Amino acid sequence: MASCTHAVSRITKGDIITRLLAIKAFLRARGRLPVSIKFLIEGEEEVGSPHLPAFIRENQALLKSDACLWEGGGVNWDDRPTITLGLKGIINVDLEVRGAVRDVHSSLAPIVPNPAWRLIWALNSIKDADENILIDGFYDDVRPPTPEEIEAIEAIPSEEEEMRANLGIERFLKGLKGVDLQLHSVLGPACTINGIISGYTGEGSKTVLPCYARAKLDFRLVPDQRPDDIIAKLRKHLDKHGFTDVVLSAGEGENPARTPLDSPFARVVSDAAREVYGSEPIIKPGMSGSGPMFSFTDILAIPAASSGVSNPDSRAHAPDENIRLADFILSAKHGAAILDRCKVNL
C-alpha cells in the first residue's frame, strides 16, 4: 500500500506522523507489518506538484501498489469521520495588462488607457453575476455524476449553519442549500479570482493612473476536464472578446481524480473508520480542493482514499492552522485499522 502526503501544512505533517505511529504500534505489538508500505512525501503541492507526474511515470515499478492512503481526511462538525475518494484538478492563471511605460497622473485619465479598467472588463467577460463561466466549451468535458455519486452526496449531513457561522456569511452563492449546495461544492467546476494588483492601494489618496494591472485566478476542474484544454479555451475566449492585449500565463496544472465508490479499498477505509470512530463514516466522491491524486489513480491505476487529522475548523493555510489531539490519536488508530484489513481485503 502507498501513502501519499504533501508536507506543506501542520495538518499534512500531522498525517505523516499518524502513519508512522500506526506502523510503530504494529511493530511493537506484533513485530511485523501486515502489508508492505511505501511512502511518497512531496512538498510541491502548493505550486501544482510540477515534478510529481514525471517522477511517477519514470518509477512505476518502484511505486507499484494495491491502494493509496491519501492525506486530507478528518472529521465533520459532529466528529464523524469523513473519507474522500477524489480531488478536483486545478490550473492557476495570471492575467496582465500593460499601459503607459510608467504610472502617470490620473488627470490624464480622459486620454491615457487604464490597465486596471481593461483587466476588469476582461475578467467580467469570464464569469457572469449568476456564477456561470462564460468561456465557450468550458463545461463540455464535465463528466455527469453517476446515480451512486448523487446518492452518496445526498447522504452527506447538512453542515450549512455551522459553516456559515464559522465563515461569517449570511448565504451561499446563488442561495444554494441542501443537496444542491453539496453537488456544487463536491462535483462542480469553478473559477475564482485569488487577487488583483494595480496602482496605489495604501492609506489616503494618490491620484495615479497605473501602468499595469495583474490578476491571479484559479480554475477548479472536475473529471474529465484538463488544464491545457481550459487554458486554450480561455486564450481563445479573450481573443474573441477583443482582449488580445491581455497576457496570459499559466502553469501545468493538475488533472482531477476520482476513485469509484464501490472500490474494495474504499470499503476497507470506511469499515476501519466505523470501528475506530464508533460512528458511520461520511463518504464523499470528491472534495472541493485539489491535489495530485490523478498521478496515482490514473498513472499507477490504483484506488485512493483519505484519512487524516483535520477538523472543520482546522483553518488550513491560516496562521492559526490547528489540529486537535483527539483527532490526531484517532487518525493513528484509523491508519492501523486500515493496515490490519488490507491483508485480507485487497
Foldseek 3Di string as FASTA:
>chain_A
DEEEFAPAFPFRVLLVVLLVLLQVVCCVPPVDFLDDYHYDYHHCFVVFPVPPLVVCLVCLVVVQDAAYAYADWFAEPVRFTAKEFWEWWKKKKKKKFFWDPFKDFLVCVVPGDFQVVVVVVLVCCQADLLQDGNQPPPCVQQDDDDPVQLVLLLPDDDPPVVVCVVVVHDADRPRDDHSRVSCCFFRNKHKDWPDKDWDDDDPDDDRIRTRMIMTMMMITHHPPDADVVVVVSSQVSCVVVPNPNIDMDIDRIEHIDFFDCPDLLVVLLQVLSCVLSVDHYRYHRYGNHHGRCCSCCPVSVHTYMYATFDYPPLPPPDPNRDGDPVSSNSSSSSSSSSSVCPSPRD
